[in-house]
Amino acid sequence: MSDSPKSTSERHIEKIMQHVEPGSERYEVLDKAKRFKSSWVELGEKLLDVSKKGRFRDWGYQSFEEYCVQEIRIKRGTAEKLTMAYRFMEKEEPQLLTAREELKPLPDFRSIDLLRKAKEEKGFTDEEYDDLRKSVVEEERSHPTVLKKYKEVAALREEVNPLAPLKASISAAKRLESTLRSLPGVPDLYLEQLGEMVAHLENELEALSMSADSEAGTIREI
């Protein structure tokens, strides 16, 4: 039985690979990109490294986004989800990375990104997060199923947790800071100001969280 037809992106990537030294870092990233449906973790890890070190500039691209779109044919949003999902797994689910060869398939990177949002941005309770995690990691539910559950809980969290928008703003500011650091010629002053804004938002979040905890304690006493 013949292999399934190759996509336009696969043919594009293979054409570039013909002119890149096999075994080089650039070649490895292209190879991961070609197979990323089954090896997104490896691609996420490689892209994170490429972004941090600014390797895309060595390969003739002005920005990380330009490299992703033109060379490995993925959108900026997809690249962000891949790298952030990888970082989240590295921090929260290292056992999945260790056992990646045994897991067929690994959880969808979009579902892992929803886990990250639930924990870092949306203020899910431990019970809500554990239930979502069970769907992703243990039950291996499809991404549409996980997304539906995530949206249902996130809607409730936004109603009862006034801190959720502030957490989301902090996460967005951090992503912007990371993106700007990968661009050439961005003035240090801009990065410093953005860093100060993130620190300010985090201090405000901490203060509001302490106030909310204090109010909750008073209510319990009453």
N, C-alpha and C. Protein backbone atom coordinates (compact mmCIF):
# COMPACT_ATOMS: atom_id res chain seq x y z
N MET A 1 0.85 -1.19 0.00
CA MET A 1 0.00 0.00 0.00
C MET A 1 0.88 1.24 0.00
N SER A 2 0.59 2.21 -0.84
CA SER A 2 1.43 3.40 -0.98
C SER A 2 1.20 4.37 0.16
N ASP A 3 2.19 5.20 0.43
CA ASP A 3 2.08 6.20 1.48
C ASP A 3 1.06 7.25 1.07
N SER A 4 0.49 7.94 2.08
CA SER A 4 -0.47 8.99 1.78
C SER A 4 0.25 10.15 1.10
N PRO A 5 -0.47 10.90 0.25
CA PRO A 5 0.16 12.02 -0.47
C PRO A 5 0.73 13.04 0.49
N LYS A 6 1.84 13.62 0.10
CA LYS A 6 2.48 14.63 0.94
C LYS A 6 1.79 15.98 0.77
N SER A 7 1.72 16.73 1.87
CA SER A 7 1.10 18.05 1.81
C SER A 7 2.05 19.04 1.15
N THR A 8 1.50 20.20 0.79
CA THR A 8 2.33 21.26 0.21
C THR A 8 3.42 21.68 1.18
N SER A 9 3.08 21.76 2.47
CA SER A 9 4.08 22.15 3.48
C SER A 9 5.20 21.13 3.58
N GLU A 10 4.85 19.84 3.54
CA GLU A 10 5.88 18.80 3.60
C GLU A 10 6.82 18.89 2.41
N ARG A 11 6.26 19.09 1.22
CA ARG A 11 7.11 19.20 0.02
C ARG A 11 7.99 20.44 0.10
N HIS A 12 7.44 21.53 0.62
CA HIS A 12 8.22 22.77 0.79
C HIS A 12 9.39 22.54 1.73
N ILE A 13 9.12 21.89 2.85
CA ILE A 13 10.17 21.64 3.84
C ILE A 13 11.23 20.71 3.26
N GLU A 14 10.82 19.67 2.58
CA GLU A 14 11.77 18.72 2.01
C GLU A 14 12.67 19.40 0.97
N LYS A 15 12.11 20.37 0.25
CA LYS A 15 12.91 21.09 -0.75
C LYS A 15 14.02 21.88 -0.06
N ILE A 16 13.70 22.52 1.06
CA ILE A 16 14.72 23.26 1.81
C ILE A 16 15.75 22.30 2.39
N MET A 17 15.29 21.14 2.87
CA MET A 17 16.20 20.17 3.50
C MET A 17 17.26 19.68 2.52
N GLN A 18 16.93 19.69 1.23
CA GLN A 18 17.90 19.25 0.22
C GLN A 18 19.12 20.15 0.17
N HIS A 19 18.97 21.39 0.66
CA HIS A 19 20.07 22.36 0.60
C HIS A 19 20.65 22.68 1.98
N VAL A 20 20.25 21.89 2.98
CA VAL A 20 20.74 22.09 4.34
C VAL A 20 21.55 20.86 4.76
N GLU A 21 22.63 21.08 5.47
CA GLU A 21 23.51 19.98 5.86
C GLU A 21 22.78 19.01 6.80
N PRO A 22 22.67 17.74 6.42
CA PRO A 22 22.03 16.75 7.30
C PRO A 22 22.74 16.67 8.65
N GLY A 23 21.95 16.59 9.70
CA GLY A 23 22.52 16.52 11.04
C GLY A 23 22.73 17.87 11.69
N SER A 24 22.65 18.96 10.91
CA SER A 24 22.82 20.28 11.48
C SER A 24 21.57 20.66 12.28
N GLU A 25 21.69 21.68 13.12
CA GLU A 25 20.57 22.11 13.94
C GLU A 25 19.39 22.52 13.08
N ARG A 26 19.67 23.25 12.00
CA ARG A 26 18.60 23.70 11.11
C ARG A 26 17.89 22.52 10.47
N TYR A 27 18.65 21.52 10.06
CA TYR A 27 18.08 20.32 9.43
C TYR A 27 17.17 19.58 10.42
N GLU A 28 17.61 19.50 11.66
CA GLU A 28 16.84 18.79 12.68
C GLU A 28 15.49 19.46 12.93
N VAL A 29 15.50 20.81 12.97
CA VAL A 29 14.24 21.52 13.18
C VAL A 29 13.29 21.28 12.02
N LEU A 30 13.82 21.33 10.81
CA LEU A 30 13.00 21.07 9.62
C LEU A 30 12.41 19.65 9.66
N ASP A 31 13.22 18.70 10.08
CA ASP A 31 12.76 17.32 10.16
C ASP A 31 11.65 17.17 11.19
N LYS A 32 11.81 17.84 12.34
CA LYS A 32 10.76 17.79 13.37
C LYS A 32 9.49 18.45 12.85
N ALA A 33 9.64 19.54 12.11
CA ALA A 33 8.48 20.26 11.59
C ALA A 33 7.71 19.38 10.60
N LYS A 34 8.45 18.64 9.79
CA LYS A 34 7.81 17.77 8.79
C LYS A 34 6.98 16.69 9.47
N ARG A 35 7.43 16.25 10.63
CA ARG A 35 6.76 15.16 11.32
C ARG A 35 6.02 15.62 12.58
N PHE A 36 5.73 16.94 12.66
CA PHE A 36 5.31 17.46 13.96
C PHE A 36 3.95 16.96 14.44
N LYS A 37 3.12 16.42 13.58
CA LYS A 37 1.86 15.85 14.03
C LYS A 37 2.09 14.70 15.00
N SER A 38 3.20 14.00 14.83
CA SER A 38 3.48 12.87 15.72
C SER A 38 4.61 13.17 16.68
N SER A 39 5.29 14.29 16.51
CA SER A 39 6.43 14.58 17.38
C SER A 39 6.44 16.06 17.77
N TRP A 40 5.29 16.59 18.16
CA TRP A 40 5.22 18.02 18.46
C TRP A 40 6.11 18.40 19.64
N VAL A 41 6.32 17.47 20.55
CA VAL A 41 7.16 17.78 21.72
C VAL A 41 8.57 18.12 21.27
N GLU A 42 9.11 17.29 20.37
CA GLU A 42 10.46 17.55 19.87
C GLU A 42 10.52 18.88 19.13
N LEU A 43 9.48 19.18 18.34
CA LEU A 43 9.47 20.45 17.61
C LEU A 43 9.36 21.62 18.58
N GLY A 44 8.48 21.49 19.57
CA GLY A 44 8.34 22.55 20.57
C GLY A 44 9.65 22.83 21.28
N GLU A 45 10.37 21.78 21.62
CA GLU A 45 11.66 21.92 22.29
C GLU A 45 12.66 22.63 21.38
N LYS A 46 12.70 22.24 20.12
CA LYS A 46 13.63 22.84 19.17
C LYS A 46 13.30 24.31 18.92
N LEU A 47 12.01 24.61 18.73
CA LEU A 47 11.60 25.98 18.47
C LEU A 47 11.91 26.89 19.65
N LEU A 48 11.72 26.38 20.85
CA LEU A 48 12.04 27.17 22.04
C LEU A 48 13.52 27.52 22.05
N ASP A 49 14.35 26.58 21.67
CA ASP A 49 15.79 26.80 21.63
C ASP A 49 16.16 27.79 20.52
N VAL A 50 15.54 27.63 19.36
CA VAL A 50 15.79 28.53 18.23
C VAL A 50 15.42 29.96 18.59
N SER A 51 14.28 30.13 19.27
CA SER A 51 13.82 31.46 19.66
C SER A 51 14.74 32.08 20.70
N LYS A 52 15.10 31.31 21.72
CA LYS A 52 15.95 31.82 22.80
C LYS A 52 17.31 32.28 22.29
N LYS A 53 17.89 31.48 21.41
CA LYS A 53 19.25 31.75 20.94
C LYS A 53 19.28 32.65 19.70
N GLY A 54 18.10 32.95 19.15
CA GLY A 54 18.07 33.78 17.95
C GLY A 54 18.70 33.11 16.75
N ARG A 55 18.62 31.79 16.69
CA ARG A 55 19.28 31.05 15.62
C ARG A 55 18.69 31.38 14.24
N PHE A 56 17.43 31.79 14.22
CA PHE A 56 16.77 32.10 12.94
C PHE A 56 17.50 33.19 12.18
N ARG A 57 18.19 34.08 12.91
CA ARG A 57 18.95 35.15 12.24
C ARG A 57 20.13 34.57 11.46
N ASP A 58 20.74 33.50 12.01
CA ASP A 58 21.86 32.86 11.33
C ASP A 58 21.40 32.23 10.02
N TRP A 59 20.11 31.95 9.93
CA TRP A 59 19.58 31.26 8.76
C TRP A 59 18.90 32.23 7.80
N GLY A 60 19.09 33.53 8.02
CA GLY A 60 18.63 34.53 7.06
C GLY A 60 17.26 35.13 7.30
N TYR A 61 16.72 34.96 8.52
CA TYR A 61 15.39 35.51 8.81
C TYR A 61 15.50 36.66 9.81
N GLN A 62 14.63 37.65 9.64
CA GLN A 62 14.67 38.84 10.49
C GLN A 62 13.97 38.63 11.83
N SER A 63 13.02 37.70 11.87
CA SER A 63 12.28 37.47 13.11
C SER A 63 11.93 36.00 13.24
N PHE A 64 11.61 35.60 14.45
CA PHE A 64 11.20 34.22 14.71
C PHE A 64 9.92 33.90 13.96
N GLU A 65 9.00 34.86 13.92
CA GLU A 65 7.73 34.66 13.22
C GLU A 65 7.98 34.42 11.73
N GLU A 66 8.86 35.23 11.13
CA GLU A 66 9.16 35.07 9.71
C GLU A 66 9.75 33.68 9.44
N TYR A 67 10.63 33.23 10.32
CA TYR A 67 11.23 31.90 10.18
C TYR A 67 10.16 30.82 10.22
N CYS A 68 9.26 30.90 11.21
CA CYS A 68 8.22 29.89 11.38
C CYS A 68 7.30 29.83 10.16
N VAL A 69 6.87 30.99 9.69
CA VAL A 69 5.91 31.06 8.60
C VAL A 69 6.54 30.64 7.27
N GLN A 70 7.74 31.14 6.99
CA GLN A 70 8.34 30.92 5.67
C GLN A 70 9.11 29.61 5.55
N GLU A 71 9.75 29.16 6.64
CA GLU A 71 10.58 27.97 6.51
C GLU A 71 9.85 26.69 6.93
N ILE A 72 9.26 26.69 8.11
CA ILE A 72 8.64 25.45 8.56
C ILE A 72 7.12 25.46 8.44
N ARG A 73 6.59 26.57 7.90
CA ARG A 73 5.19 26.67 7.51
C ARG A 73 4.21 26.46 8.67
N ILE A 74 4.46 27.12 9.78
CA ILE A 74 3.47 27.15 10.86
C ILE A 74 3.26 28.60 11.28
N LYS A 75 2.06 28.94 11.72
CA LYS A 75 1.73 30.29 12.11
C LYS A 75 2.35 30.64 13.45
N ARG A 76 2.46 31.95 13.71
CA ARG A 76 3.03 32.41 14.98
C ARG A 76 2.24 31.85 16.16
N GLY A 77 0.90 31.88 16.06
CA GLY A 77 0.09 31.37 17.16
C GLY A 77 0.36 29.91 17.46
N THR A 78 0.55 29.12 16.39
CA THR A 78 0.86 27.70 16.58
C THR A 78 2.24 27.54 17.21
N ALA A 79 3.21 28.33 16.77
CA ALA A 79 4.55 28.27 17.35
C ALA A 79 4.52 28.62 18.83
N GLU A 80 3.74 29.63 19.20
CA GLU A 80 3.62 30.02 20.60
C GLU A 80 3.02 28.89 21.42
N LYS A 81 1.96 28.28 20.90
CA LYS A 81 1.33 27.19 21.63
C LYS A 81 2.28 26.00 21.79
N LEU A 82 3.06 25.72 20.73
CA LEU A 82 4.01 24.61 20.80
C LEU A 82 5.07 24.85 21.86
N THR A 83 5.67 26.04 21.85
CA THR A 83 6.75 26.33 22.80
C THR A 83 6.22 26.43 24.23
N MET A 84 5.06 27.07 24.40
CA MET A 84 4.51 27.22 25.75
C MET A 84 4.00 25.89 26.29
N ALA A 85 3.43 25.06 25.41
CA ALA A 85 2.99 23.74 25.83
C ALA A 85 4.18 22.89 26.24
N TYR A 86 5.28 23.00 25.48
CA TYR A 86 6.48 22.24 25.84
C TYR A 86 7.02 22.69 27.20
N ARG A 87 7.12 24.01 27.40
CA ARG A 87 7.60 24.52 28.69
C ARG A 87 6.72 24.07 29.84
N PHE A 88 5.41 24.05 29.59
CA PHE A 88 4.48 23.63 30.64
C PHE A 88 4.67 22.16 30.97
N MET A 89 4.81 21.33 29.95
CA MET A 89 5.04 19.91 30.20
C MET A 89 6.36 19.68 30.93
N GLU A 90 7.36 20.44 30.55
CA GLU A 90 8.67 20.34 31.19
C GLU A 90 8.57 20.64 32.69
N LYS A 91 7.72 21.61 33.03
CA LYS A 91 7.56 22.03 34.41
C LYS A 91 6.57 21.17 35.20
N GLU A 92 5.41 20.90 34.58
CA GLU A 92 4.31 20.26 35.30
C GLU A 92 4.16 18.75 35.03
N GLU A 93 4.58 18.29 33.86
CA GLU A 93 4.39 16.89 33.49
C GLU A 93 5.68 16.28 32.95
N PRO A 94 6.78 16.39 33.70
CA PRO A 94 8.07 15.88 33.18
C PRO A 94 8.05 14.38 32.89
N GLN A 95 7.18 13.65 33.59
CA GLN A 95 7.11 12.21 33.36
C GLN A 95 6.63 11.88 31.96
N LEU A 96 5.83 12.78 31.38
CA LEU A 96 5.38 12.55 30.00
C LEU A 96 6.54 12.70 29.02
N LEU A 97 7.43 13.65 29.31
CA LEU A 97 8.59 13.84 28.44
C LEU A 97 9.53 12.64 28.56
N THR A 98 9.66 12.12 29.76
CA THR A 98 10.54 10.97 29.97
C THR A 98 10.02 9.73 29.27
N ALA A 99 8.69 9.58 29.28
CA ALA A 99 8.08 8.38 28.70
C ALA A 99 7.52 8.63 27.31
N ARG A 100 8.03 9.68 26.63
CA ARG A 100 7.42 10.05 25.35
C ARG A 100 7.47 8.93 24.31
N GLU A 101 8.50 8.08 24.37
CA GLU A 101 8.61 7.02 23.38
C GLU A 101 7.54 5.96 23.58
N GLU A 102 7.01 5.87 24.81
CA GLU A 102 6.02 4.83 25.11
C GLU A 102 4.59 5.33 24.86
N LEU A 103 4.41 6.63 24.78
CA LEU A 103 3.07 7.19 24.63
C LEU A 103 2.74 7.36 23.15
N LYS A 104 1.71 6.68 22.73
CA LYS A 104 1.29 6.78 21.32
C LYS A 104 -0.21 7.01 21.29
N PRO A 105 -0.67 8.19 21.00
CA PRO A 105 0.16 9.39 20.81
C PRO A 105 0.29 10.17 22.11
N LEU A 106 1.17 11.17 22.10
CA LEU A 106 1.25 12.12 23.20
C LEU A 106 -0.01 12.98 23.18
N PRO A 107 -0.35 13.59 24.32
CA PRO A 107 -1.51 14.50 24.32
C PRO A 107 -1.33 15.59 23.27
N ASP A 108 -2.43 16.01 22.68
CA ASP A 108 -2.43 17.09 21.69
C ASP A 108 -1.84 18.35 22.32
N PHE A 109 -0.95 19.03 21.59
CA PHE A 109 -0.30 20.22 22.16
C PHE A 109 -1.32 21.31 22.49
N ARG A 110 -2.43 21.33 21.75
CA ARG A 110 -3.47 22.33 22.04
C ARG A 110 -4.15 22.04 23.37
N SER A 111 -4.31 20.77 23.68
CA SER A 111 -4.90 20.39 24.97
C SER A 111 -3.95 20.69 26.12
N ILE A 112 -2.66 20.47 25.89
CA ILE A 112 -1.66 20.81 26.91
C ILE A 112 -1.67 22.31 27.15
N ASP A 113 -1.83 23.09 26.09
CA ASP A 113 -1.87 24.54 26.25
C ASP A 113 -3.11 24.97 27.04
N LEU A 114 -4.21 24.25 26.89
CA LEU A 114 -5.40 24.54 27.69
C LEU A 114 -5.14 24.24 29.16
N LEU A 115 -4.40 23.18 29.44
CA LEU A 115 -4.01 22.89 30.82
C LEU A 115 -3.20 24.04 31.40
N ARG A 116 -2.28 24.55 30.59
CA ARG A 116 -1.46 25.68 31.04
C ARG A 116 -2.33 26.89 31.35
N LYS A 117 -3.25 27.21 30.46
CA LYS A 117 -4.12 28.35 30.69
C LYS A 117 -4.97 28.16 31.93
N ALA A 118 -5.47 26.93 32.12
CA ALA A 118 -6.30 26.65 33.29
C ALA A 118 -5.53 26.90 34.58
N LYS A 119 -4.26 26.54 34.58
CA LYS A 119 -3.45 26.67 35.78
C LYS A 119 -2.88 28.07 35.96
N GLU A 120 -2.46 28.70 34.87
CA GLU A 120 -1.73 29.96 34.97
C GLU A 120 -2.58 31.21 34.74
N GLU A 121 -3.69 31.07 34.04
CA GLU A 121 -4.45 32.26 33.66
C GLU A 121 -5.89 32.30 34.17
N LYS A 122 -6.55 31.17 34.15
CA LYS A 122 -7.99 31.17 34.39
C LYS A 122 -8.40 30.88 35.83
N GLY A 123 -7.44 30.59 36.69
CA GLY A 123 -7.77 30.41 38.09
C GLY A 123 -8.63 29.19 38.40
N PHE A 124 -8.44 28.09 37.66
CA PHE A 124 -9.17 26.86 37.97
C PHE A 124 -8.83 26.41 39.39
N THR A 125 -9.80 25.87 40.10
CA THR A 125 -9.51 25.28 41.40
C THR A 125 -8.69 24.01 41.18
N ASP A 126 -8.08 23.50 42.24
CA ASP A 126 -7.29 22.27 42.13
C ASP A 126 -8.15 21.13 41.60
N GLU A 127 -9.39 21.06 42.07
CA GLU A 127 -10.29 19.99 41.64
C GLU A 127 -10.64 20.14 40.16
N GLU A 128 -10.91 21.36 39.73
CA GLU A 128 -11.24 21.60 38.32
C GLU A 128 -10.05 21.30 37.42
N TYR A 129 -8.87 21.71 37.86
CA TYR A 129 -7.66 21.46 37.07
C TYR A 129 -7.39 19.95 36.98
N ASP A 130 -7.49 19.26 38.11
CA ASP A 130 -7.22 17.82 38.12
C ASP A 130 -8.19 17.08 37.20
N ASP A 131 -9.45 17.54 37.16
CA ASP A 131 -10.45 16.90 36.30
C ASP A 131 -10.10 17.12 34.83
N LEU A 132 -9.67 18.34 34.49
CA LEU A 132 -9.26 18.63 33.12
C LEU A 132 -8.01 17.84 32.75
N ARG A 133 -7.07 17.78 33.68
CA ARG A 133 -5.83 17.04 33.44
C ARG A 133 -6.12 15.56 33.20
N LYS A 134 -7.06 15.02 33.96
CA LYS A 134 -7.42 13.61 33.79
C LYS A 134 -7.93 13.36 32.38
N SER A 135 -8.73 14.29 31.86
CA SER A 135 -9.26 14.15 30.50
C SER A 135 -8.15 14.15 29.46
N VAL A 136 -7.11 14.99 29.70
CA VAL A 136 -6.03 15.14 28.73
C VAL A 136 -5.01 14.02 28.83
N VAL A 137 -4.52 13.77 30.04
CA VAL A 137 -3.38 12.88 30.24
C VAL A 137 -3.78 11.42 30.42
N GLU A 138 -4.80 11.18 31.23
CA GLU A 138 -5.15 9.80 31.58
C GLU A 138 -6.19 9.20 30.64
N GLU A 139 -7.22 9.97 30.34
CA GLU A 139 -8.30 9.43 29.51
C GLU A 139 -8.04 9.65 28.02
N GLU A 140 -7.05 10.52 27.69
CA GLU A 140 -6.67 10.79 26.30
C GLU A 140 -7.87 11.22 25.45
N ARG A 141 -8.67 12.12 26.00
CA ARG A 141 -9.82 12.64 25.27
C ARG A 141 -9.37 13.47 24.07
N SER A 142 -10.22 13.56 23.05
CA SER A 142 -9.89 14.34 21.87
C SER A 142 -9.84 15.82 22.24
N HIS A 143 -9.13 16.60 21.42
CA HIS A 143 -9.02 18.03 21.73
C HIS A 143 -10.37 18.74 21.75
N PRO A 144 -11.29 18.48 20.80
CA PRO A 144 -12.61 19.14 20.88
C PRO A 144 -13.33 18.86 22.19
N THR A 145 -13.20 17.63 22.69
CA THR A 145 -13.84 17.27 23.96
C THR A 145 -13.22 18.05 25.12
N VAL A 146 -11.88 18.12 25.12
CA VAL A 146 -11.17 18.86 26.17
C VAL A 146 -11.50 20.34 26.10
N LEU A 147 -11.55 20.88 24.88
CA LEU A 147 -11.85 22.30 24.70
C LEU A 147 -13.24 22.64 25.24
N LYS A 148 -14.21 21.77 24.99
CA LYS A 148 -15.58 21.99 25.47
C LYS A 148 -15.60 22.05 27.00
N LYS A 149 -14.93 21.10 27.63
CA LYS A 149 -14.88 21.09 29.09
C LYS A 149 -14.16 22.31 29.63
N TYR A 150 -13.07 22.68 28.98
CA TYR A 150 -12.30 23.86 29.41
C TYR A 150 -13.16 25.12 29.34
N LYS A 151 -13.88 25.31 28.24
CA LYS A 151 -14.69 26.51 28.06
C LYS A 151 -15.80 26.59 29.10
N GLU A 152 -16.39 25.46 29.42
CA GLU A 152 -17.47 25.44 30.40
C GLU A 152 -16.97 25.90 31.77
N VAL A 153 -15.82 25.39 32.18
CA VAL A 153 -15.28 25.75 33.48
C VAL A 153 -14.73 27.18 33.46
N ALA A 154 -14.06 27.55 32.37
CA ALA A 154 -13.48 28.89 32.26
C ALA A 154 -14.56 29.96 32.37
N ALA A 155 -15.71 29.70 31.78
CA ALA A 155 -16.81 30.67 31.84
C ALA A 155 -17.25 30.88 33.29
N LEU A 156 -17.32 29.81 34.05
CA LEU A 156 -17.70 29.91 35.46
C LEU A 156 -16.62 30.62 36.26
N ARG A 157 -15.36 30.31 35.95
CA ARG A 157 -14.25 30.94 36.68
C ARG A 157 -14.25 32.45 36.48
N GLU A 158 -14.53 32.89 35.27
CA GLU A 158 -14.51 34.33 34.99
C GLU A 158 -15.63 35.05 35.73
N GLU A 159 -16.74 34.34 35.97
CA GLU A 159 -17.85 34.94 36.70
C GLU A 159 -17.53 35.09 38.19
N VAL A 160 -16.83 34.10 38.76
CA VAL A 160 -16.61 34.11 40.21
C VAL A 160 -15.22 34.59 40.59
N ASN A 161 -14.31 34.71 39.62
CA ASN A 161 -12.94 35.10 39.94
C ASN A 161 -12.58 36.40 39.23
N PRO A 162 -12.67 37.54 39.92
CA PRO A 162 -12.34 38.82 39.29
C PRO A 162 -10.86 38.96 38.96
N LEU A 163 -10.03 38.05 39.46
CA LEU A 163 -8.59 38.13 39.20
C LEU A 163 -8.20 37.50 37.87
N ALA A 164 -9.12 36.75 37.25
CA ALA A 164 -8.79 36.03 36.01
C ALA A 164 -8.31 36.96 34.90
N PRO A 165 -8.99 38.12 34.65
CA PRO A 165 -8.50 39.01 33.58
C PRO A 165 -7.10 39.54 33.86
N LEU A 166 -6.79 39.80 35.14
CA LEU A 166 -5.46 40.30 35.49
C LEU A 166 -4.40 39.22 35.24
N LYS A 167 -4.72 37.98 35.58
CA LYS A 167 -3.79 36.87 35.32
C LYS A 167 -3.55 36.71 33.82
N ALA A 168 -4.62 36.85 33.05
CA ALA A 168 -4.49 36.72 31.59
C ALA A 168 -3.63 37.84 31.03
N SER A 169 -3.77 39.05 31.60
CA SER A 169 -2.97 40.19 31.14
C SER A 169 -1.49 39.97 31.43
N ILE A 170 -1.19 39.43 32.59
CA ILE A 170 0.20 39.14 32.96
C ILE A 170 0.80 38.12 32.00
N SER A 171 0.04 37.07 31.71
CA SER A 171 0.52 36.03 30.79
C SER A 171 0.77 36.61 29.40
N ALA A 172 -0.15 37.48 28.93
CA ALA A 172 0.01 38.10 27.61
C ALA A 172 1.23 39.01 27.57
N ALA A 173 1.45 39.76 28.65
CA ALA A 173 2.60 40.66 28.71
C ALA A 173 3.91 39.88 28.69
N LYS A 174 3.93 38.75 29.36
CA LYS A 174 5.14 37.91 29.39
C LYS A 174 5.42 37.33 28.00
N ARG A 175 4.35 36.94 27.30
CA ARG A 175 4.54 36.43 25.94
C ARG A 175 5.10 37.52 25.02
N LEU A 176 4.57 38.74 25.18
CA LEU A 176 5.07 39.86 24.38
C LEU A 176 6.53 40.13 24.68
N GLU A 177 6.89 40.10 25.95
CA GLU A 177 8.29 40.34 26.33
C GLU A 177 9.20 39.28 25.71
N SER A 178 8.77 38.02 25.75
CA SER A 178 9.56 36.94 25.17
C SER A 178 9.73 37.12 23.67
N THR A 179 8.64 37.54 22.99
CA THR A 179 8.70 37.75 21.54
C THR A 179 9.64 38.90 21.20
N LEU A 180 9.55 40.00 21.94
CA LEU A 180 10.39 41.17 21.66
C LEU A 180 11.87 40.86 21.85
N ARG A 181 12.17 40.01 22.82
CA ARG A 181 13.57 39.67 23.09
C ARG A 181 14.18 38.87 21.93
N SER A 182 13.32 38.23 21.13
CA SER A 182 13.83 37.45 20.00
C SER A 182 13.98 38.29 18.74
N LEU A 183 13.53 39.55 18.80
CA LEU A 183 13.63 40.43 17.63
C LEU A 183 14.90 41.27 17.70
N PRO A 184 15.53 41.51 16.56
CA PRO A 184 16.73 42.34 16.55
C PRO A 184 16.38 43.81 16.65
N GLY A 185 17.21 44.57 17.33
CA GLY A 185 17.08 46.02 17.35
C GLY A 185 16.03 46.59 18.27
N VAL A 186 15.41 45.77 19.12
CA VAL A 186 14.43 46.31 20.06
C VAL A 186 15.18 47.03 21.18
N PRO A 187 14.92 48.31 21.41
CA PRO A 187 15.65 49.07 22.44
C PRO A 187 15.50 48.44 23.83
N ASP A 188 16.59 48.42 24.57
CA ASP A 188 16.56 47.86 25.92
C ASP A 188 15.55 48.59 26.80
N LEU A 189 15.35 49.89 26.53
CA LEU A 189 14.42 50.67 27.32
C LEU A 189 13.01 50.10 27.22
N TYR A 190 12.62 49.68 26.03
CA TYR A 190 11.28 49.11 25.85
C TYR A 190 11.13 47.82 26.67
N LEU A 191 12.17 46.99 26.63
CA LEU A 191 12.13 45.74 27.38
C LEU A 191 12.09 46.01 28.88
N GLU A 192 12.84 47.01 29.32
CA GLU A 192 12.84 47.36 30.73
C GLU A 192 11.46 47.85 31.17
N GLN A 193 10.84 48.68 30.33
CA GLN A 193 9.52 49.21 30.66
C GLN A 193 8.48 48.09 30.70
N LEU A 194 8.60 47.15 29.77
CA LEU A 194 7.66 46.03 29.75
C LEU A 194 7.87 45.16 30.98
N GLY A 195 9.13 44.96 31.35
CA GLY A 195 9.42 44.19 32.56
C GLY A 195 8.85 44.86 33.80
N GLU A 196 8.95 46.19 33.85
CA GLU A 196 8.39 46.94 34.98
C GLU A 196 6.87 46.80 35.02
N MET A 197 6.25 46.81 33.84
CA MET A 197 4.80 46.66 33.80
C MET A 197 4.37 45.30 34.30
N VAL A 198 5.11 44.26 33.90
CA VAL A 198 4.80 42.91 34.37
C VAL A 198 4.94 42.84 35.88
N ALA A 199 6.01 43.43 36.41
CA ALA A 199 6.23 43.42 37.86
C ALA A 199 5.09 44.15 38.58
N HIS A 200 4.66 45.29 38.00
CA HIS A 200 3.56 46.05 38.58
C HIS A 200 2.28 45.23 38.61
N LEU A 201 1.98 44.57 37.51
CA LEU A 201 0.77 43.75 37.44
C LEU A 201 0.83 42.58 38.42
N GLU A 202 2.01 41.99 38.56
CA GLU A 202 2.16 40.87 39.49
C GLU A 202 2.00 41.34 40.93
N ASN A 203 2.51 42.53 41.24
CA ASN A 203 2.33 43.08 42.59
C ASN A 203 0.86 43.38 42.87
N GLU A 204 0.18 43.90 41.85
CA GLU A 204 -1.24 44.21 42.00
C GLU A 204 -2.05 42.92 42.19
N LEU A 205 -1.67 41.88 41.45
CA LEU A 205 -2.35 40.59 41.60
C LEU A 205 -2.15 40.03 43.00
N GLU A 206 -0.91 40.13 43.49
CA GLU A 206 -0.61 39.63 44.83
C GLU A 206 -1.42 40.38 45.89
N ALA A 207 -1.50 41.70 45.74
CA ALA A 207 -2.24 42.51 46.70
C ALA A 207 -3.73 42.17 46.68
N LEU A 208 -4.29 42.04 45.47
CA LEU A 208 -5.70 41.71 45.34
C LEU A 208 -5.99 40.30 45.87
N SER A 209 -5.06 39.39 45.65
CA SER A 209 -5.23 38.02 46.14
C SER A 209 -5.24 38.00 47.66
N MET A 210 -4.33 38.76 48.27
CA MET A 210 -4.27 38.83 49.73
C MET A 210 -5.54 39.45 50.29
N SER A 211 -6.05 40.48 49.61
CA SER A 211 -7.28 41.13 50.04
C SER A 211 -8.46 40.18 49.96
N ALA A 212 -8.51 39.40 48.85
CA ALA A 212 -9.60 38.45 48.68
C ALA A 212 -9.54 37.36 49.74
N ASP A 213 -8.31 36.88 50.05
CA ASP A 213 -8.16 35.87 51.08
C ASP A 213 -8.59 36.39 52.45
N SER A 214 -8.26 37.67 52.70
CA SER A 214 -8.63 38.29 53.98
C SER A 214 -10.13 38.40 54.11
N GLU A 215 -10.79 38.82 53.03
CA GLU A 215 -12.24 38.94 53.03
C GLU A 215 -12.91 37.58 53.23
N ALA A 216 -12.34 36.58 52.57
CA ALA A 216 -12.89 35.22 52.71
C ALA A 216 -12.76 34.74 54.14
N GLY A 217 -11.64 35.06 54.79
CA GLY A 217 -11.44 34.67 56.16
C GLY A 217 -12.43 35.34 57.09
N THR A 218 -12.70 36.62 56.83
CA THR A 218 -13.66 37.35 57.65
C THR A 218 -15.05 36.76 57.51
N ILE A 219 -15.42 36.42 56.29
CA ILE A 219 -16.73 35.82 56.05
C ILE A 219 -16.87 34.49 56.78
N ARG A 220 -15.78 33.68 56.76
CA ARG A 220 -15.83 32.39 57.44
C ARG A 220 -16.00 32.59 58.94
N GLU A 221 -15.34 33.62 59.50
CA GLU A 221 -15.45 33.89 60.93
C GLU A 221 -16.88 34.26 61.31
N ILE A 222 -17.51 35.06 60.43
CA ILE A 222 -18.89 35.47 60.69
C ILE A 222 -19.83 34.26 60.62
